[in-house]
PDB file of N, CA and C in Angstrom:
ATOM      1  N   UNK A   1       0.859  -1.165   0.000  1.00  0.00           N
ATOM      2  CA  UNK A   1       0.000   0.000   0.000  1.00  0.00           C
ATOM      3  C   UNK A   1       0.905   1.227   0.000  1.00  0.00           C
ATOM      4  N   UNK A   2       0.518   2.194  -0.833  1.00  0.00           N
ATOM      5  CA  UNK A   2       1.264   3.448  -0.907  1.00  0.00           C
ATOM      6  C   UNK A   2       0.268   4.583  -0.798  1.00  0.00           C
ATOM      7  N   UNK A   3       0.679   5.669  -0.137  1.00  0.00           N
ATOM      8  CA  UNK A   3      -0.167   6.851  -0.035  1.00  0.00           C
ATOM      9  C   UNK A   3       0.609   8.040  -0.582  1.00  0.00           C
ATOM     10  N   UNK A   4      -0.025   8.731  -1.537  1.00  0.00           N
ATOM     11  CA  UNK A   4       0.551   9.949  -2.099  1.00  0.00           C
ATOM     12  C   UNK A   4       0.048  11.099  -1.254  1.00  0.00           C
ATOM     13  N   UNK A   5       1.002  11.853  -0.684  1.00  0.00           N
ATOM     14  CA  UNK A   5       0.608  12.945   0.203  1.00  0.00           C
ATOM     15  C   UNK A   5       1.374  14.232  -0.069  1.00  0.00           C
ATOM     16  N   UNK A   6       0.782  15.297   0.415  1.00  0.00           N
ATOM     17  CA  UNK A   6       1.429  16.589   0.586  1.00  0.00           C
ATOM     18  C   UNK A   6       1.392  16.807   2.096  1.00  0.00           C
ATOM     19  N   UNK A   7       2.551  16.819   2.771  1.00  0.00           N
ATOM     20  CA  UNK A   7       2.548  16.941   4.229  1.00  0.00           C
ATOM     21  C   UNK A   7       1.844  18.191   4.757  1.00  0.00           C
ATOM     22  N   UNK A   8       1.697  19.216   3.931  1.00  0.00           N
ATOM     23  CA  UNK A   8       1.025  20.441   4.362  1.00  0.00           C
ATOM     24  C   UNK A   8      -0.495  20.301   4.347  1.00  0.00           C
ATOM     25  N   UNK A   9      -1.002  19.208   3.809  1.00  0.00           N
ATOM     26  CA  UNK A   9      -2.445  18.985   3.647  1.00  0.00           C
ATOM     27  C   UNK A   9      -3.027  18.294   4.885  1.00  0.00           C
ATOM     28  N   UNK A  10      -4.048  18.889   5.482  1.00  0.00           N
ATOM     29  CA  UNK A  10      -4.651  18.309   6.686  1.00  0.00           C
ATOM     30  C   UNK A  10      -5.313  16.960   6.394  1.00  0.00           C
ATOM     31  N   UNK A  11      -5.924  16.804   5.222  1.00  0.00           N
ATOM     32  CA  UNK A  11      -6.556  15.513   4.880  1.00  0.00           C
ATOM     33  C   UNK A  11      -5.499  14.420   4.751  1.00  0.00           C
ATOM     34  N   UNK A  12      -4.329  14.781   4.222  1.00  0.00           N
ATOM     35  CA  UNK A  12      -3.226  13.818   4.109  1.00  0.00           C
ATOM     36  C   UNK A  12      -2.740  13.407   5.495  1.00  0.00           C
ATOM     37  N   UNK A  13      -2.562  14.383   6.359  1.00  0.00           N
ATOM     38  CA  UNK A  13      -2.101  14.080   7.718  1.00  0.00           C
ATOM     39  C   UNK A  13      -3.112  13.207   8.453  1.00  0.00           C
ATOM     40  N   UNK A  14      -4.390  13.488   8.263  1.00  0.00           N
ATOM     41  CA  UNK A  14      -5.439  12.672   8.895  1.00  0.00           C
ATOM     42  C   UNK A  14      -5.402  11.240   8.372  1.00  0.00           C
ATOM     43  N   UNK A  15      -5.222  11.092   7.066  1.00  0.00           N
ATOM     44  CA  UNK A  15      -5.167   9.747   6.475  1.00  0.00           C
ATOM     45  C   UNK A  15      -3.983   8.966   7.015  1.00  0.00           C
ATOM     46  N   UNK A  16      -2.814   9.603   7.103  1.00  0.00           N
ATOM     47  CA  UNK A  16      -1.621   8.939   7.631  1.00  0.00           C
ATOM     48  C   UNK A  16      -1.836   8.557   9.092  1.00  0.00           C
ATOM     49  N   UNK A  17      -2.441   9.451   9.869  1.00  0.00           N
ATOM     50  CA  UNK A  17      -2.720   9.155  11.283  1.00  0.00           C
ATOM     51  C   UNK A  17      -3.624   7.940  11.423  1.00  0.00           C
ATOM     52  N   UNK A  18      -4.633   7.858  10.574  1.00  0.00           N
ATOM     53  CA  UNK A  18      -5.543   6.712  10.630  1.00  0.00           C
ATOM     54  C   UNK A  18      -4.829   5.424  10.221  1.00  0.00           C
ATOM     55  N   UNK A  19      -4.010   5.495   9.170  1.00  0.00           N
ATOM     56  CA  UNK A  19      -3.240   4.313   8.768  1.00  0.00           C
ATOM     57  C   UNK A  19      -2.347   3.850   9.909  1.00  0.00           C
ATOM     58  N   UNK A  20      -1.692   4.808  10.581  1.00  0.00           N
ATOM     59  CA  UNK A  20      -0.831   4.468  11.722  1.00  0.00           C
ATOM     60  C   UNK A  20      -1.646   3.849  12.855  1.00  0.00           C
ATOM     61  N   UNK A  21      -2.798   4.444  13.159  1.00  0.00           N
ATOM     62  CA  UNK A  21      -3.644   3.938  14.245  1.00  0.00           C
ATOM     63  C   UNK A  21      -4.118   2.514  13.968  1.00  0.00           C
ATOM     64  N   UNK A  22      -4.299   2.190  12.684  1.00  0.00           N
ATOM     65  CA  UNK A  22      -4.759   0.853  12.299  1.00  0.00           C
ATOM     66  C   UNK A  22      -3.597  -0.123  12.112  1.00  0.00           C
ATOM     67  N   UNK A  23      -2.373   0.360  12.285  1.00  0.00           N
ATOM     68  CA  UNK A  23      -1.197  -0.511  12.132  1.00  0.00           C
ATOM     69  C   UNK A  23      -0.961  -0.949  10.694  1.00  0.00           C
ATOM     70  N   UNK A  24      -1.369  -0.132   9.742  1.00  0.00           N
ATOM     71  CA  UNK A  24      -1.228  -0.483   8.323  1.00  0.00           C
ATOM     72  C   UNK A  24       0.243  -0.461   7.902  1.00  0.00           C
ATOM     73  N   UNK A  25       0.561  -1.345   6.979  1.00  0.00           N
ATOM     74  CA  UNK A  25       1.886  -1.383   6.368  1.00  0.00           C
ATOM     75  C   UNK A  25       1.786  -0.590   5.069  1.00  0.00           C
ATOM     76  N   UNK A  26       2.450   0.560   5.015  1.00  0.00           N
ATOM     77  CA  UNK A  26       2.332   1.429   3.857  1.00  0.00           C
ATOM     78  C   UNK A  26       3.616   2.206   3.635  1.00  0.00           C
ATOM     79  N   UNK A  27       3.718   2.767   2.436  1.00  0.00           N
ATOM     80  CA  UNK A  27       4.835   3.622   2.057  1.00  0.00           C
ATOM     81  C   UNK A  27       4.271   5.007   1.750  1.00  0.00           C
ATOM     82  N   UNK A  28       4.977   6.028   2.201  1.00  0.00           N
ATOM     83  CA  UNK A  28       4.569   7.408   1.921  1.00  0.00           C
ATOM     84  C   UNK A  28       5.313   7.906   0.691  1.00  0.00           C
ATOM     85  N   UNK A  29       4.579   8.509  -0.199  1.00  0.00           N
ATOM     86  CA  UNK A  29       5.184   9.165  -1.360  1.00  0.00           C
ATOM     87  C   UNK A  29       4.796  10.631  -1.315  1.00  0.00           C
ATOM     88  N   UNK A  30       5.778  11.472  -1.126  1.00  0.00           N
ATOM     89  CA  UNK A  30       5.562  12.913  -1.159  1.00  0.00           C
ATOM     90  C   UNK A  30       5.596  13.321  -2.623  1.00  0.00           C
ATOM     91  N   UNK A  31       4.452  13.298  -3.238  1.00  0.00           N
ATOM     92  CA  UNK A  31       4.369  13.403  -4.693  1.00  0.00           C
ATOM     93  C   UNK A  31       4.771  14.768  -5.253  1.00  0.00           C
ATOM     94  N   UNK A  32       4.864  15.787  -4.412  1.00  0.00           N
ATOM     95  CA  UNK A  32       5.354  17.078  -4.895  1.00  0.00           C
ATOM     96  C   UNK A  32       6.872  17.053  -5.072  1.00  0.00           C
ATOM     97  N   UNK A  33       7.536  16.176  -4.307  1.00  0.00           N
ATOM     98  CA  UNK A  33       8.990  16.015  -4.409  1.00  0.00           C
ATOM     99  C   UNK A  33       9.357  14.850  -5.323  1.00  0.00           C
ATOM    100  N   UNK A  34       8.643  13.750  -5.169  1.00  0.00           N
ATOM    101  CA  UNK A  34       8.850  12.542  -5.980  1.00  0.00           C
ATOM    102  C   UNK A  34       7.699  12.502  -6.991  1.00  0.00           C
ATOM    103  N   UNK A  35       7.836  13.330  -8.007  1.00  0.00           N
ATOM    104  CA  UNK A  35       6.742  13.574  -8.960  1.00  0.00           C
ATOM    105  C   UNK A  35       6.445  12.324  -9.795  1.00  0.00           C
ATOM    106  N   UNK A  36       5.177  11.916  -9.834  1.00  0.00           N
ATOM    107  CA  UNK A  36       4.813  10.756 -10.642  1.00  0.00           C
ATOM    108  C   UNK A  36       4.943  11.036 -12.144  1.00  0.00           C
ATOM    109  N   UNK A  37       5.403  10.024 -12.852  1.00  0.00           N
ATOM    110  CA  UNK A  37       5.499  10.115 -14.310  1.00  0.00           C
ATOM    111  C   UNK A  37       4.099  10.028 -14.909  1.00  0.00           C
ATOM    112  N   UNK A  38       4.003  10.313 -16.187  1.00  0.00           N
ATOM    113  CA  UNK A  38       2.705  10.184 -16.854  1.00  0.00           C
ATOM    114  C   UNK A  38       2.229   8.736 -16.791  1.00  0.00           C
ATOM    115  N   UNK A  39       3.161   7.788 -16.878  1.00  0.00           N
ATOM    116  CA  UNK A  39       2.789   6.363 -16.801  1.00  0.00           C
ATOM    117  C   UNK A  39       2.235   6.025 -15.418  1.00  0.00           C
ATOM    118  N   UNK A  40       2.851   6.571 -14.365  1.00  0.00           N
ATOM    119  CA  UNK A  40       2.362   6.302 -13.009  1.00  0.00           C
ATOM    120  C   UNK A  40       0.988   6.929 -12.794  1.00  0.00           C
ATOM    121  N   UNK A  41       0.788   8.114 -13.336  1.00  0.00           N
ATOM    122  CA  UNK A  41      -0.523   8.755 -13.215  1.00  0.00           C
ATOM    123  C   UNK A  41      -1.566   7.933 -13.967  1.00  0.00           C
ATOM    124  N   UNK A  42      -1.223   7.463 -15.148  1.00  0.00           N
ATOM    125  CA  UNK A  42      -2.139   6.617 -15.924  1.00  0.00           C
ATOM    126  C   UNK A  42      -2.498   5.359 -15.135  1.00  0.00           C
ATOM    127  N   UNK A  43      -1.490   4.743 -14.509  1.00  0.00           N
ATOM    128  CA  UNK A  43      -1.722   3.543 -13.710  1.00  0.00           C
ATOM    129  C   UNK A  43      -2.671   3.836 -12.548  1.00  0.00           C
ATOM    130  N   UNK A  44      -2.438   4.928 -11.854  1.00  0.00           N
ATOM    131  CA  UNK A  44      -3.310   5.285 -10.727  1.00  0.00           C
ATOM    132  C   UNK A  44      -4.728   5.572 -11.215  1.00  0.00           C
ATOM    133  N   UNK A  45      -4.850   6.251 -12.332  1.00  0.00           N
ATOM    134  CA  UNK A  45      -6.183   6.511 -12.883  1.00  0.00           C
ATOM    135  C   UNK A  45      -6.901   5.202 -13.213  1.00  0.00           C
ATOM    136  N   UNK A  46      -6.171   4.257 -13.794  1.00  0.00           N
ATOM    137  CA  UNK A  46      -6.763   2.950 -14.090  1.00  0.00           C
ATOM    138  C   UNK A  46      -7.212   2.269 -12.805  1.00  0.00           C
ATOM    139  N   UNK A  47      -6.379   2.353 -11.776  1.00  0.00           N
ATOM    140  CA  UNK A  47      -6.704   1.724 -10.492  1.00  0.00           C
ATOM    141  C   UNK A  47      -7.893   2.399  -9.820  1.00  0.00           C
ATOM    142  N   UNK A  48      -7.989   3.716  -9.992  1.00  0.00           N
ATOM    143  CA  UNK A  48      -9.105   4.476  -9.423  1.00  0.00           C
ATOM    144  C   UNK A  48     -10.391   4.295 -10.230  1.00  0.00           C
ATOM    145  N   UNK A  49     -10.231   3.992 -11.527  1.00  0.00           N
ATOM    146  CA  UNK A  49     -11.391   3.945 -12.407  1.00  0.00           C
ATOM    147  C   UNK A  49     -11.912   5.337 -12.702  1.00  0.00           C
ATOM    148  N   UNK A  50     -10.989   6.321 -12.731  1.00  0.00           N
ATOM    149  CA  UNK A  50     -11.359   7.718 -12.951  1.00  0.00           C
ATOM    150  C   UNK A  50     -10.619   8.297 -14.148  1.00  0.00           C
ATOM    151  N   UNK A  51     -11.041   9.467 -14.555  1.00  0.00           N
ATOM    152  CA  UNK A  51     -10.384  10.225 -15.614  1.00  0.00           C
ATOM    153  C   UNK A  51      -9.482  11.271 -14.970  1.00  0.00           C
ATOM    154  N   UNK A  52      -8.501  11.785 -15.714  1.00  0.00           N
ATOM    155  CA  UNK A  52      -7.574  12.748 -15.106  1.00  0.00           C
ATOM    156  C   UNK A  52      -8.265  13.998 -14.565  1.00  0.00           C
ATOM    157  N   UNK A  53      -9.302  14.459 -15.240  1.00  0.00           N
ATOM    158  CA  UNK A  53     -10.011  15.650 -14.762  1.00  0.00           C
ATOM    159  C   UNK A  53     -10.751  15.376 -13.462  1.00  0.00           C
ATOM    160  N   UNK A  54     -11.009  14.108 -13.158  1.00  0.00           N
ATOM    161  CA  UNK A  54     -11.678  13.752 -11.909  1.00  0.00           C
ATOM    162  C   UNK A  54     -10.766  13.919 -10.694  1.00  0.00           C
ATOM    163  N   UNK A  55      -9.446  13.884 -10.912  1.00  0.00           N
ATOM    164  CA  UNK A  55      -8.507  14.014  -9.790  1.00  0.00           C
ATOM    165  C   UNK A  55      -7.694  15.305  -9.891  1.00  0.00           C
ATOM    166  N   UNK A  56      -8.182  16.260 -10.656  1.00  0.00           N
ATOM    167  CA  UNK A  56      -7.471  17.525 -10.837  1.00  0.00           C
ATOM    168  C   UNK A  56      -8.046  18.587  -9.913  1.00  0.00           C
ATOM    169  N   UNK A  57      -7.150  19.257  -9.219  1.00  0.00           N
ATOM    170  CA  UNK A  57      -7.530  20.352  -8.322  1.00  0.00           C
ATOM    171  C   UNK A  57      -7.649  21.629  -9.164  1.00  0.00           C
ATOM    172  N   UNK A  58      -8.830  21.877  -9.660  1.00  0.00           N
ATOM    173  CA  UNK A  58      -9.043  22.973 -10.604  1.00  0.00           C
ATOM    174  C   UNK A  58      -9.052  24.352  -9.937  1.00  0.00           C
ATOM    175  N   UNK A  59      -9.026  24.396  -8.617  1.00  0.00           N
ATOM    176  CA  UNK A  59      -9.014  25.685  -7.918  1.00  0.00           C
ATOM    177  C   UNK A  59      -7.595  26.210  -7.685  1.00  0.00           C
ATOM    178  N   UNK A  60      -6.582  25.413  -8.011  1.00  0.00           N
ATOM    179  CA  UNK A  60      -5.198  25.852  -7.835  1.00  0.00           C
ATOM    180  C   UNK A  60      -4.872  26.982  -8.809  1.00  0.00           C
ATOM    181  N   UNK A  61      -3.962  27.869  -8.424  1.00  0.00           N
ATOM    182  CA  UNK A  61      -3.553  28.992  -9.264  1.00  0.00           C
ATOM    183  C   UNK A  61      -3.043  28.497 -10.615  1.00  0.00           C
ATOM    184  N   UNK A  62      -2.222  27.449 -10.602  1.00  0.00           N
ATOM    185  CA  UNK A  62      -1.668  26.932 -11.855  1.00  0.00           C
ATOM    186  C   UNK A  62      -2.774  26.404 -12.772  1.00  0.00           C
ATOM    187  N   UNK A  63      -3.841  25.880 -12.206  1.00  0.00           N
ATOM    188  CA  UNK A  63      -4.976  25.412 -13.024  1.00  0.00           C
ATOM    189  C   UNK A  63      -5.610  26.593 -13.752  1.00  0.00           C
ATOM    190  N   UNK A  64      -5.735  27.697 -13.041  1.00  0.00           N
ATOM    191  CA  UNK A  64      -6.293  28.895 -13.667  1.00  0.00           C
ATOM    192  C   UNK A  64      -5.349  29.417 -14.748  1.00  0.00           C
ATOM    193  N   UNK A  65      -4.041  29.407 -14.442  1.00  0.00           N
ATOM    194  CA  UNK A  65      -3.055  29.866 -15.422  1.00  0.00           C
ATOM    195  C   UNK A  65      -3.088  29.024 -16.699  1.00  0.00           C
ATOM    196  N   UNK A  66      -3.301  27.724 -16.545  1.00  0.00           N
ATOM    197  CA  UNK A  66      -3.359  26.812 -17.692  1.00  0.00           C
ATOM    198  C   UNK A  66      -4.718  26.854 -18.400  1.00  0.00           C
ATOM    199  N   UNK A  67      -5.720  27.420 -17.735  1.00  0.00           N
ATOM    200  CA  UNK A  67      -7.064  27.459 -18.310  1.00  0.00           C
ATOM    201  C   UNK A  67      -7.746  26.100 -18.284  1.00  0.00           C
ATOM    202  N   UNK A  68      -7.432  25.278 -17.265  1.00  0.00           N
ATOM    203  CA  UNK A  68      -7.964  23.903 -17.198  1.00  0.00           C
ATOM    204  C   UNK A  68      -9.482  23.817 -17.240  1.00  0.00           C
ATOM    205  N   UNK A  69     -10.147  24.768 -16.671  1.00  0.00           N
ATOM    206  CA  UNK A  69     -11.620  24.703 -16.641  1.00  0.00           C
ATOM    207  C   UNK A  69     -12.223  24.705 -18.043  1.00  0.00           C
ATOM    208  N   UNK A  70     -11.465  25.216 -19.015  1.00  0.00           N
ATOM    209  CA  UNK A  70     -11.956  25.258 -20.393  1.00  0.00           C
ATOM    210  C   UNK A  70     -11.492  24.056 -21.214  1.00  0.00           C
ATOM    211  N   UNK A  71     -10.596  23.246 -20.673  1.00  0.00           N
ATOM    212  CA  UNK A  71     -10.097  22.098 -21.435  1.00  0.00           C
ATOM    213  C   UNK A  71     -11.224  21.081 -21.628  1.00  0.00           C
ATOM    214  N   UNK A  72     -11.307  20.469 -22.808  1.00  0.00           N
ATOM    215  CA  UNK A  72     -12.318  19.433 -23.029  1.00  0.00           C
ATOM    216  C   UNK A  72     -12.090  18.237 -22.091  1.00  0.00           C
ATOM    217  N   UNK A  73     -13.188  17.698 -21.641  1.00  0.00           N
ATOM    218  CA  UNK A  73     -13.143  16.510 -20.781  1.00  0.00           C
ATOM    219  C   UNK A  73     -13.646  15.329 -21.599  1.00  0.00           C
ATOM    220  N   UNK A  74     -12.754  14.868 -22.477  1.00  0.00           N
ATOM    221  CA  UNK A  74     -13.096  13.778 -23.395  1.00  0.00           C
ATOM    222  C   UNK A  74     -11.847  12.955 -23.661  1.00  0.00           C
ATOM    223  N   UNK A  75     -12.062  11.779 -24.198  1.00  0.00           N
ATOM    224  CA  UNK A  75     -10.964  10.836 -24.429  1.00  0.00           C
ATOM    225  C   UNK A  75      -9.799  11.446 -25.208  1.00  0.00           C
ATOM    226  N   UNK A  76     -10.100  12.264 -26.195  1.00  0.00           N
ATOM    227  CA  UNK A  76      -9.056  12.862 -27.012  1.00  0.00           C
ATOM    228  C   UNK A  76      -8.169  13.845 -26.267  1.00  0.00           C
ATOM    229  N   UNK A  77      -8.618  14.327 -25.123  1.00  0.00           N
ATOM    230  CA  UNK A  77      -7.847  15.289 -24.320  1.00  0.00           C
ATOM    231  C   UNK A  77      -7.186  14.649 -23.100  1.00  0.00           C
ATOM    232  N   UNK A  78      -7.417  13.369 -22.916  1.00  0.00           N
ATOM    233  CA  UNK A  78      -6.929  12.666 -21.726  1.00  0.00           C
ATOM    234  C   UNK A  78      -5.424  12.828 -21.522  1.00  0.00           C
ATOM    235  N   UNK A  79      -4.655  12.612 -22.581  1.00  0.00           N
ATOM    236  CA  UNK A  79      -3.197  12.684 -22.469  1.00  0.00           C
ATOM    237  C   UNK A  79      -2.747  14.082 -22.055  1.00  0.00           C
ATOM    238  N   UNK A  80      -3.389  15.097 -22.600  1.00  0.00           N
ATOM    239  CA  UNK A  80      -3.049  16.482 -22.247  1.00  0.00           C
ATOM    240  C   UNK A  80      -3.233  16.716 -20.750  1.00  0.00           C
ATOM    241  N   UNK A  81      -4.313  16.200 -20.197  1.00  0.00           N
ATOM    242  CA  UNK A  81      -4.581  16.331 -18.761  1.00  0.00           C
ATOM    243  C   UNK A  81      -3.519  15.593 -17.948  1.00  0.00           C
ATOM    244  N   UNK A  82      -3.179  14.382 -18.376  1.00  0.00           N
ATOM    245  CA  UNK A  82      -2.190  13.577 -17.642  1.00  0.00           C
ATOM    246  C   UNK A  82      -0.828  14.268 -17.644  1.00  0.00           C
ATOM    247  N   UNK A  83      -0.437  14.814 -18.774  1.00  0.00           N
ATOM    248  CA  UNK A  83       0.832  15.550 -18.856  1.00  0.00           C
ATOM    249  C   UNK A  83       0.800  16.755 -17.907  1.00  0.00           C
ATOM    250  N   UNK A  84      -0.305  17.467 -17.867  1.00  0.00           N
ATOM    251  CA  UNK A  84      -0.432  18.621 -16.963  1.00  0.00           C
ATOM    252  C   UNK A  84      -0.276  18.190 -15.507  1.00  0.00           C
ATOM    253  N   UNK A  85      -0.865  17.057 -15.145  1.00  0.00           N
ATOM    254  CA  UNK A  85      -0.744  16.558 -13.770  1.00  0.00           C
ATOM    255  C   UNK A  85       0.703  16.196 -13.439  1.00  0.00           C
ATOM    256  N   UNK A  86       1.406  15.626 -14.393  1.00  0.00           N
ATOM    257  CA  UNK A  86       2.798  15.259 -14.168  1.00  0.00           C
ATOM    258  C   UNK A  86       3.704  16.494 -14.101  1.00  0.00           C
ATOM    259  N   UNK A  87       3.431  17.458 -14.949  1.00  0.00           N
ATOM    260  CA  UNK A  87       4.247  18.678 -14.967  1.00  0.00           C
ATOM    261  C   UNK A  87       3.924  19.616 -13.806  1.00  0.00           C
ATOM    262  N   UNK A  88       2.722  19.497 -13.273  1.00  0.00           N
ATOM    263  CA  UNK A  88       2.269  20.361 -12.170  1.00  0.00           C
ATOM    264  C   UNK A  88       1.605  19.478 -11.108  1.00  0.00           C
ATOM    265  N   UNK A  89       2.398  18.706 -10.350  1.00  0.00           N
ATOM    266  CA  UNK A  89       1.819  17.734  -9.411  1.00  0.00           C
ATOM    267  C   UNK A  89       0.919  18.342  -8.338  1.00  0.00           C
ATOM    268  N   UNK A  90       1.043  19.631  -8.094  1.00  0.00           N
ATOM    269  CA  UNK A  90       0.159  20.281  -7.121  1.00  0.00           C
ATOM    270  C   UNK A  90      -1.305  20.163  -7.548  1.00  0.00           C
ATOM    271  N   UNK A  91      -1.522  19.896  -8.828  1.00  0.00           N
ATOM    272  CA  UNK A  91      -2.887  19.750  -9.350  1.00  0.00           C
ATOM    273  C   UNK A  91      -3.527  18.415  -8.975  1.00  0.00           C
ATOM    274  N   UNK A  92      -2.736  17.449  -8.528  1.00  0.00           N
ATOM    275  CA  UNK A  92      -3.261  16.117  -8.226  1.00  0.00           C
ATOM    276  C   UNK A  92      -4.016  16.129  -6.896  1.00  0.00           C
ATOM    277  N   UNK A  93      -5.239  15.648  -6.928  1.00  0.00           N
ATOM    278  CA  UNK A  93      -6.050  15.515  -5.723  1.00  0.00           C
ATOM    279  C   UNK A  93      -5.324  14.602  -4.740  1.00  0.00           C
ATOM    280  N   UNK A  94      -5.489  14.851  -3.472  1.00  0.00           N
ATOM    281  CA  UNK A  94      -4.769  14.104  -2.449  1.00  0.00           C
ATOM    282  C   UNK A  94      -5.642  13.871  -1.240  1.00  0.00           C
ATOM    283  N   UNK A  95      -5.274  12.901  -0.446  1.00  0.00           N
ATOM    284  CA  UNK A  95      -4.280  11.847  -0.679  1.00  0.00           C
ATOM    285  C   UNK A  95      -4.866  10.739  -1.556  1.00  0.00           C
ATOM    286  N   UNK A  96      -3.982  10.026  -2.202  1.00  0.00           N
ATOM    287  CA  UNK A  96      -4.379   8.856  -2.988  1.00  0.00           C
ATOM    288  C   UNK A  96      -3.694   7.654  -2.366  1.00  0.00           C
ATOM    289  N   UNK A  97      -4.488   6.628  -2.102  1.00  0.00           N
ATOM    290  CA  UNK A  97      -3.944   5.381  -1.554  1.00  0.00           C
ATOM    291  C   UNK A  97      -4.093   4.300  -2.610  1.00  0.00           C
ATOM    292  N   UNK A  98      -2.967   3.651  -2.929  1.00  0.00           N
ATOM    293  CA  UNK A  98      -3.010   2.486  -3.815  1.00  0.00           C
ATOM    294  C   UNK A  98      -3.077   1.259  -2.915  1.00  0.00           C
ATOM    295  N   UNK A  99      -4.126   0.498  -3.086  1.00  0.00           N
ATOM    296  CA  UNK A  99      -4.375  -0.657  -2.223  1.00  0.00           C
ATOM    297  C   UNK A  99      -3.679  -1.907  -2.762  1.00  0.00           C
ATOM    298  N   UNK A 100      -3.543  -2.859  -1.886  1.00  0.00           N
ATOM    299  CA  UNK A 100      -2.834  -4.092  -2.229  1.00  0.00           C
ATOM    300  C   UNK A 100      -3.570  -4.943  -3.258  1.00  0.00           C
ATOM    301  N   UNK A 101      -4.876  -4.735  -3.409  1.00  0.00           N
ATOM    302  CA  UNK A 101      -5.639  -5.539  -4.361  1.00  0.00           C
ATOM    303  C   UNK A 101      -5.580  -4.984  -5.789  1.00  0.00           C
ATOM    304  N   UNK A 102      -4.754  -3.938  -5.998  1.00  0.00           N
ATOM    305  CA  UNK A 102      -4.618  -3.372  -7.331  1.00  0.00           C
ATOM    306  C   UNK A 102      -5.530  -2.193  -7.608  1.00  0.00           C
ATOM    307  N   UNK A 103      -6.352  -1.815  -6.634  1.00  0.00           N
ATOM    308  CA  UNK A 103      -7.226  -0.660  -6.794  1.00  0.00           C
ATOM    309  C   UNK A 103      -6.600   0.543  -6.089  1.00  0.00           C
ATOM    310  N   UNK A 104      -7.298   1.651  -6.109  1.00  0.00           N
ATOM    311  CA  UNK A 104      -6.853   2.855  -5.413  1.00  0.00           C
ATOM    312  C   UNK A 104      -8.071   3.655  -5.004  1.00  0.00           C
ATOM    313  N   UNK A 105      -7.869   4.560  -4.046  1.00  0.00           N
ATOM    314  CA  UNK A 105      -8.935   5.458  -3.610  1.00  0.00           C
ATOM    315  C   UNK A 105      -8.358   6.848  -3.384  1.00  0.00           C
ATOM    316  N   UNK A 106      -9.185   7.860  -3.649  1.00  0.00           N
ATOM    317  CA  UNK A 106      -8.859   9.210  -3.226  1.00  0.00           C
ATOM    318  C   UNK A 106      -9.371   9.271  -1.790  1.00  0.00           C
ATOM    319  N   UNK A 107      -8.435   9.329  -0.845  1.00  0.00           N
ATOM    320  CA  UNK A 107      -8.751   9.116   0.571  1.00  0.00           C
ATOM    321  C   UNK A 107      -8.954  10.424   1.333  1.00  0.00           C
ATOM    322  N   UNK A 108      -9.934  11.198   0.926  1.00  0.00           N
ATOM    323  CA  UNK A 108     -10.188  12.496   1.545  1.00  0.00           C
ATOM    324  C   UNK A 108     -11.077  12.401   2.785  1.00  0.00           C
ATOM    325  N   UNK A 109     -11.553  11.204   3.079  1.00  0.00           N
ATOM    326  CA  UNK A 109     -12.387  11.015   4.268  1.00  0.00           C
ATOM    327  C   UNK A 109     -11.908   9.777   5.015  1.00  0.00           C
ATOM    328  N   UNK A 110     -12.292   9.698   6.284  1.00  0.00           N
ATOM    329  CA  UNK A 110     -11.955   8.523   7.085  1.00  0.00           C
ATOM    330  C   UNK A 110     -12.562   7.268   6.451  1.00  0.00           C
ATOM    331  N   UNK A 111     -13.763   7.403   5.931  1.00  0.00           N
ATOM    332  CA  UNK A 111     -14.447   6.291   5.272  1.00  0.00           C
ATOM    333  C   UNK A 111     -13.626   5.749   4.091  1.00  0.00           C
ATOM    334  N   UNK A 112     -13.068   6.652   3.286  1.00  0.00           N
ATOM    335  CA  UNK A 112     -12.271   6.247   2.126  1.00  0.00           C
ATOM    336  C   UNK A 112     -10.981   5.560   2.554  1.00  0.00           C
ATOM    337  N   UNK A 113     -10.352   6.052   3.617  1.00  0.00           N
ATOM    338  CA  UNK A 113      -9.131   5.407   4.126  1.00  0.00           C
ATOM    339  C   UNK A 113      -9.463   4.000   4.612  1.00  0.00           C
ATOM    340  N   UNK A 114     -10.556   3.878   5.336  1.00  0.00           N
ATOM    341  CA  UNK A 114     -10.968   2.550   5.840  1.00  0.00           C
ATOM    342  C   UNK A 114     -11.306   1.607   4.660  1.00  0.00           C
ATOM    343  N   UNK A 115     -11.892   2.183   3.619  1.00  0.00           N
ATOM    344  CA  UNK A 115     -12.185   1.394   2.424  1.00  0.00           C
ATOM    345  C   UNK A 115     -10.877   0.835   1.840  1.00  0.00           C
ATOM    346  N   UNK A 116      -9.859   1.675   1.744  1.00  0.00           N
ATOM    347  CA  UNK A 116      -8.555   1.229   1.222  1.00  0.00           C
ATOM    348  C   UNK A 116      -7.963   0.156   2.128  1.00  0.00           C
ATOM    349  N   UNK A 117      -8.095   0.330   3.424  1.00  0.00           N
ATOM    350  CA  UNK A 117      -7.565  -0.671   4.362  1.00  0.00           C
ATOM    351  C   UNK A 117      -8.254  -2.018   4.181  1.00  0.00           C
ATOM    352  N   UNK A 118      -9.508  -1.994   3.817  1.00  0.00           N
ATOM    353  CA  UNK A 118     -10.264  -3.225   3.620  1.00  0.00           C
ATOM    354  C   UNK A 118      -9.979  -3.923   2.306  1.00  0.00           C
ATOM    355  N   UNK A 119      -9.182  -3.302   1.453  1.00  0.00           N
ATOM    356  CA  UNK A 119      -8.896  -3.871   0.130  1.00  0.00           C
ATOM    357  C   UNK A 119      -7.603  -4.672   0.110  1.00  0.00           C
ATOM    358  N   UNK A 120      -7.296  -5.302   1.178  1.00  0.00           N
ATOM    359  CA  UNK A 120      -6.040  -6.060   1.243  1.00  0.00           C
ATOM    360  C   UNK A 120      -6.173  -7.281   0.477  1.00  0.00           C
TER     361      UNK A 120
END
């Protein structure tokens, strides 16, 4: 199990605290420092069953600078979104937990973290 976090994020800290309280075996990835490649983002999207725009933080300043809100949300634009997430990792929704069963969750709630823990 791996969790992608930004240590400055309260939801990330809460998720890590819950994982620790449950005695989970996990690895922390500070994705702003250890930036995921486009292939890793694609893999996580496949595991989540989501599209790149579903995990994009569109309220970030860089999202506004890029004009993301106007980008098409369709298959033909998918790669463009993934590249943007890799080039600007602050845009990636957090925390993301990759579960041992090959799935993943955006763990913004205690319920979602517990869901990931149950996917062993």
